[in-house]
N, C-alpha and C. Protein backbone atom coordinates (compact mmCIF):
# COMPACT_ATOMS: atom_id res chain seq x y z
N MET A 1 -82.16 -35.55 -93.71
CA MET A 1 -81.53 -36.17 -92.61
C MET A 1 -81.92 -35.81 -91.16
N LYS A 2 -82.30 -36.68 -90.70
CA LYS A 2 -82.62 -36.56 -89.21
C LYS A 2 -81.40 -36.56 -88.20
N GLY A 3 -81.28 -35.59 -87.21
CA GLY A 3 -80.26 -35.90 -86.32
C GLY A 3 -80.37 -36.86 -85.20
N ILE A 4 -79.14 -36.81 -84.49
CA ILE A 4 -79.29 -37.74 -83.43
C ILE A 4 -80.28 -37.53 -82.22
N SER A 5 -80.41 -36.30 -81.89
CA SER A 5 -81.03 -35.82 -80.78
C SER A 5 -82.34 -35.71 -80.94
N GLY A 6 -82.90 -35.46 -81.98
CA GLY A 6 -84.48 -35.23 -82.38
C GLY A 6 -84.78 -33.69 -82.20
N ASN A 7 -83.86 -33.04 -81.65
CA ASN A 7 -84.28 -31.64 -81.41
C ASN A 7 -83.72 -30.83 -82.46
N PRO A 8 -84.73 -30.28 -83.32
CA PRO A 8 -84.44 -29.45 -84.42
C PRO A 8 -83.12 -28.26 -84.30
N VAL A 9 -83.11 -27.48 -83.18
CA VAL A 9 -82.26 -26.43 -82.86
C VAL A 9 -80.85 -27.26 -82.80
N LEU A 10 -80.76 -28.39 -81.73
CA LEU A 10 -79.57 -28.92 -81.46
C LEU A 10 -78.96 -29.64 -82.99
N ASP A 11 -79.75 -30.25 -83.59
CA ASP A 11 -79.51 -30.47 -84.99
C ASP A 11 -79.01 -29.67 -85.98
N ALA A 12 -79.72 -28.43 -85.99
CA ALA A 12 -79.10 -27.25 -86.96
C ALA A 12 -77.90 -26.83 -86.25
N TYR A 13 -77.66 -26.54 -84.94
CA TYR A 13 -76.18 -26.20 -84.29
C TYR A 13 -75.23 -27.18 -84.98
N GLN A 14 -75.41 -28.52 -84.71
CA GLN A 14 -74.49 -29.61 -85.17
C GLN A 14 -74.14 -29.30 -86.52
N ARG A 15 -75.37 -29.20 -87.36
CA ARG A 15 -74.79 -29.14 -88.82
C ARG A 15 -74.01 -28.03 -88.83
N MET A 16 -74.19 -26.73 -88.29
CA MET A 16 -73.23 -25.60 -88.64
C MET A 16 -71.95 -25.59 -88.04
N ALA A 17 -72.11 -26.43 -86.90
CA ALA A 17 -70.61 -26.47 -86.35
C ALA A 17 -69.77 -27.65 -86.99
N ILE A 18 -70.30 -28.34 -87.55
CA ILE A 18 -69.50 -29.46 -88.53
C ILE A 18 -69.25 -28.93 -89.69
N SER A 19 -70.02 -28.34 -90.62
CA SER A 19 -69.89 -28.01 -91.81
C SER A 19 -69.19 -26.63 -91.91
N PRO A 20 -68.46 -26.28 -92.75
CA PRO A 20 -67.87 -24.99 -93.04
C PRO A 20 -68.85 -23.95 -93.57
N VAL A 21 -68.75 -22.77 -93.25
CA VAL A 21 -69.86 -21.61 -93.48
C VAL A 21 -69.56 -21.24 -95.10
N GLN A 22 -70.65 -21.45 -95.94
CA GLN A 22 -70.26 -21.13 -97.36
C GLN A 22 -69.98 -19.68 -97.41
N GLY A 23 -68.94 -19.26 -98.45
CA GLY A 23 -68.34 -18.18 -98.57
C GLY A 23 -67.41 -17.32 -97.37
N ALA A 24 -67.25 -18.25 -96.51
CA ALA A 24 -66.45 -17.78 -95.47
C ALA A 24 -64.74 -18.10 -95.95
N SER A 25 -63.73 -16.95 -95.64
CA SER A 25 -62.70 -17.46 -96.04
C SER A 25 -61.60 -17.82 -94.68
N THR A 26 -60.74 -18.39 -94.89
CA THR A 26 -59.82 -18.82 -93.77
C THR A 26 -59.11 -17.54 -93.35
N VAL A 27 -58.94 -17.68 -91.99
CA VAL A 27 -58.30 -16.34 -91.33
C VAL A 27 -56.90 -16.73 -91.30
N ASN A 28 -55.96 -15.88 -91.69
CA ASN A 28 -54.54 -15.97 -91.36
C ASN A 28 -54.05 -15.29 -90.30
N ALA A 29 -52.87 -15.78 -89.84
CA ALA A 29 -52.38 -15.06 -88.58
C ALA A 29 -51.84 -13.72 -88.86
N PRO A 30 -52.05 -12.70 -87.79
CA PRO A 30 -51.74 -11.51 -88.01
C PRO A 30 -50.29 -11.28 -88.44
N ALA A 31 -49.81 -10.26 -88.92
CA ALA A 31 -48.36 -10.12 -89.25
C ALA A 31 -47.59 -9.62 -88.07
N PRO A 32 -46.28 -10.37 -87.95
CA PRO A 32 -45.61 -9.82 -86.58
C PRO A 32 -45.40 -8.51 -86.42
N VAL A 33 -45.34 -8.01 -84.97
CA VAL A 33 -45.44 -6.71 -84.73
C VAL A 33 -43.89 -6.53 -84.62
N GLN A 34 -43.59 -5.09 -85.29
CA GLN A 34 -42.08 -4.74 -85.27
C GLN A 34 -41.79 -3.83 -84.21
N ASN A 35 -40.67 -4.05 -83.52
CA ASN A 35 -40.41 -3.34 -82.24
C ASN A 35 -39.73 -1.77 -82.75
N THR A 36 -40.86 -0.94 -82.64
CA THR A 36 -40.22 0.49 -82.78
C THR A 36 -40.07 1.24 -81.45
N PRO A 37 -39.04 2.00 -81.47
CA PRO A 37 -38.78 2.61 -80.23
C PRO A 37 -39.93 3.66 -79.82
N SER A 38 -40.18 3.41 -78.63
CA SER A 38 -41.54 4.49 -78.12
C SER A 38 -40.80 5.60 -77.37
N ARG A 39 -41.69 6.44 -76.88
CA ARG A 39 -41.22 7.47 -76.06
C ARG A 39 -40.66 7.07 -74.70
N ALA A 40 -41.00 6.01 -74.11
CA ALA A 40 -40.53 5.43 -73.01
C ALA A 40 -39.15 4.98 -73.13
N ASP A 41 -38.75 4.38 -74.19
CA ASP A 41 -37.68 4.11 -74.59
C ASP A 41 -36.60 5.30 -74.56
N ASN A 42 -37.19 6.45 -74.91
CA ASN A 42 -36.06 7.51 -74.97
C ASN A 42 -36.39 8.38 -73.76
N ALA A 43 -36.79 7.95 -72.56
CA ALA A 43 -37.22 8.62 -71.58
C ALA A 43 -35.72 8.80 -70.77
N GLU A 44 -35.56 9.93 -70.17
CA GLU A 44 -34.48 10.34 -69.41
C GLU A 44 -34.76 10.39 -67.91
N VAL A 45 -34.08 9.79 -67.13
CA VAL A 45 -34.46 9.76 -65.47
C VAL A 45 -33.11 10.35 -64.58
N LYS A 46 -33.64 11.38 -64.04
CA LYS A 46 -32.71 11.96 -63.23
C LYS A 46 -32.75 11.66 -61.77
N ILE A 47 -31.94 11.08 -61.02
CA ILE A 47 -32.12 10.74 -59.37
C ILE A 47 -31.19 11.73 -58.76
N SER A 48 -31.71 12.23 -57.82
CA SER A 48 -31.31 13.36 -56.85
C SER A 48 -30.35 12.61 -56.05
N PRO A 49 -29.34 13.49 -55.40
CA PRO A 49 -28.23 12.93 -54.56
C PRO A 49 -28.98 12.32 -53.37
N GLN A 50 -30.09 13.03 -52.80
CA GLN A 50 -30.63 12.53 -51.49
C GLN A 50 -31.07 11.11 -51.96
N ALA A 51 -31.90 10.82 -53.13
CA ALA A 51 -32.39 9.59 -53.42
C ALA A 51 -31.32 8.67 -53.79
N ARG A 52 -30.07 9.02 -54.14
CA ARG A 52 -29.16 8.05 -54.42
C ARG A 52 -28.49 7.47 -52.97
N GLU A 53 -28.46 8.41 -52.15
CA GLU A 53 -27.95 8.03 -50.66
C GLU A 53 -29.02 7.14 -49.82
N LEU A 54 -30.41 7.51 -50.11
CA LEU A 54 -31.31 6.79 -49.37
C LEU A 54 -31.36 5.18 -50.22
N ALA A 55 -31.10 5.06 -51.72
CA ALA A 55 -30.81 3.99 -52.04
C ALA A 55 -29.94 3.20 -51.48
N ALA A 56 -28.78 3.89 -51.27
CA ALA A 56 -27.44 3.09 -51.00
C ALA A 56 -27.44 2.68 -49.82
N GLY A 57 -28.57 3.02 -48.82
CA GLY A 57 -28.74 2.65 -47.51
C GLY A 57 -28.13 3.55 -46.38
N GLY A 58 -27.59 4.78 -46.82
CA GLY A 58 -27.27 5.85 -45.88
C GLY A 58 -28.46 6.47 -45.36
N VAL A 59 -29.05 5.82 -44.52
CA VAL A 59 -30.32 6.71 -43.95
C VAL A 59 -29.81 7.49 -42.73
N HIS A 60 -30.03 8.57 -42.78
CA HIS A 60 -29.88 9.27 -41.69
C HIS A 60 -31.01 9.45 -40.36
N GLU A 61 -30.79 8.89 -39.42
CA GLU A 61 -31.96 9.01 -38.57
C GLU A 61 -31.89 10.27 -37.53
N SER A 62 -33.03 10.63 -37.45
CA SER A 62 -33.36 11.96 -36.61
C SER A 62 -33.05 11.62 -35.32
N ALA A 63 -32.77 12.60 -34.46
CA ALA A 63 -32.53 12.50 -32.75
C ALA A 63 -33.65 11.95 -32.33
N LYS A 64 -34.87 12.38 -32.93
CA LYS A 64 -36.26 11.64 -32.30
C LYS A 64 -36.26 10.21 -32.32
N VAL A 65 -35.99 9.58 -33.72
CA VAL A 65 -35.88 8.29 -33.90
C VAL A 65 -34.83 7.56 -33.03
N VAL A 66 -33.73 8.06 -33.00
CA VAL A 66 -32.57 7.33 -32.43
C VAL A 66 -33.21 7.22 -30.89
N ALA A 67 -33.84 8.39 -30.32
CA ALA A 67 -34.36 8.30 -28.65
C ALA A 67 -35.38 7.19 -28.57
N LEU A 68 -36.32 7.28 -29.61
CA LEU A 68 -37.38 6.24 -29.29
C LEU A 68 -36.81 4.79 -29.51
N LYS A 69 -35.80 4.75 -30.55
CA LYS A 69 -35.25 3.12 -30.49
C LYS A 69 -34.72 2.78 -29.22
N ALA A 70 -34.08 3.85 -28.54
CA ALA A 70 -33.23 3.48 -27.46
C ALA A 70 -34.34 3.18 -26.24
N LYS A 71 -35.51 4.14 -26.24
CA LYS A 71 -36.57 3.70 -25.16
C LYS A 71 -36.98 2.27 -25.39
N ILE A 72 -37.54 2.11 -26.64
CA ILE A 72 -38.10 0.64 -26.95
C ILE A 72 -36.98 -0.53 -26.53
N ALA A 73 -35.75 -0.32 -26.95
CA ALA A 73 -34.96 -1.23 -26.48
C ALA A 73 -34.76 -1.40 -24.89
N ALA A 74 -34.73 -0.49 -24.29
CA ALA A 74 -34.72 -0.42 -22.71
C ALA A 74 -36.02 -0.95 -22.31
N GLY A 75 -36.98 -0.97 -22.81
CA GLY A 75 -38.12 -1.24 -22.33
C GLY A 75 -38.94 0.05 -21.73
N ASP A 76 -38.54 1.07 -21.79
CA ASP A 76 -39.09 2.33 -21.19
C ASP A 76 -40.23 2.94 -21.93
N PHE A 77 -40.36 2.68 -23.14
CA PHE A 77 -41.50 3.32 -24.05
C PHE A 77 -42.78 2.82 -23.61
N GLN A 78 -43.50 3.87 -23.00
CA GLN A 78 -45.03 3.64 -22.72
C GLN A 78 -45.83 4.24 -23.94
N VAL A 79 -47.05 3.02 -24.16
CA VAL A 79 -47.69 3.46 -25.30
C VAL A 79 -49.16 4.30 -24.41
N ASP A 80 -49.65 5.36 -24.81
CA ASP A 80 -50.67 6.34 -23.96
C ASP A 80 -51.92 5.94 -25.03
N PRO A 81 -52.74 5.09 -24.66
CA PRO A 81 -53.99 4.62 -25.53
C PRO A 81 -54.92 5.98 -25.77
N ALA A 82 -55.01 6.76 -24.82
CA ALA A 82 -55.82 8.07 -24.96
C ALA A 82 -55.18 8.84 -26.01
N ARG A 83 -53.91 9.02 -26.00
CA ARG A 83 -53.40 10.03 -26.82
C ARG A 83 -53.66 9.32 -28.41
N ILE A 84 -53.29 8.09 -28.43
CA ILE A 84 -53.56 7.42 -29.84
C ILE A 84 -55.13 7.58 -30.24
N ALA A 85 -56.21 7.32 -29.24
CA ALA A 85 -57.28 7.48 -29.61
C ALA A 85 -57.91 8.98 -30.23
N ASP A 86 -57.17 9.97 -29.42
CA ASP A 86 -57.15 11.43 -29.83
C ASP A 86 -56.79 11.64 -31.19
N ARG A 87 -55.70 11.02 -31.65
CA ARG A 87 -54.98 11.37 -32.82
C ARG A 87 -55.74 10.77 -33.93
N MET A 88 -56.36 9.39 -33.47
CA MET A 88 -57.10 8.71 -34.46
C MET A 88 -58.61 9.68 -34.82
N LEU A 89 -59.06 10.23 -33.96
CA LEU A 89 -60.29 10.85 -34.18
C LEU A 89 -59.84 11.98 -34.72
N GLU A 90 -58.91 12.77 -34.67
CA GLU A 90 -58.27 13.83 -35.28
C GLU A 90 -58.26 13.54 -36.80
N GLN A 91 -57.58 12.36 -37.07
CA GLN A 91 -57.35 12.07 -38.48
C GLN A 91 -58.82 11.91 -38.93
N CYS A 92 -59.76 11.30 -38.61
CA CYS A 92 -61.00 11.03 -38.85
C CYS A 92 -61.66 12.45 -39.25
N GLU A 93 -61.63 13.32 -38.48
CA GLU A 93 -62.18 14.35 -38.66
C GLU A 93 -61.69 15.11 -39.97
N LYS A 94 -60.36 15.19 -40.09
CA LYS A 94 -59.62 15.58 -41.15
C LYS A 94 -60.36 15.23 -42.48
N VAL A 95 -60.51 13.74 -42.49
CA VAL A 95 -60.90 13.07 -43.73
C VAL A 95 -62.27 13.19 -43.94
N GLY A 96 -63.02 13.56 -42.87
CA GLY A 96 -64.44 13.80 -43.11
C GLY A 96 -65.16 12.38 -42.49
N GLY A 97 -64.70 11.68 -41.92
CA GLY A 97 -65.33 10.33 -41.32
C GLY A 97 -66.01 10.70 -40.30
């Protein structure tokens, strides 16, 4: 029997794709997985009082943060580009860049 394409490779592929492979058995679906408790299910987590306070929104700002916020709000906060550049270079040197 000659295939439609005339190409023996494509014809062989079509015959294999259409007809079942001899001796092959059908594949059944895998058995369902049973939920068994894992170690993560039995884990215990302890949250410190400080973490609870932070999560509740009771963040205590330091005096420095309060002062900076006041300067920014008043428009008195001045950015020193040279100081920022120096700090960036220091950080690069620490990292090795």
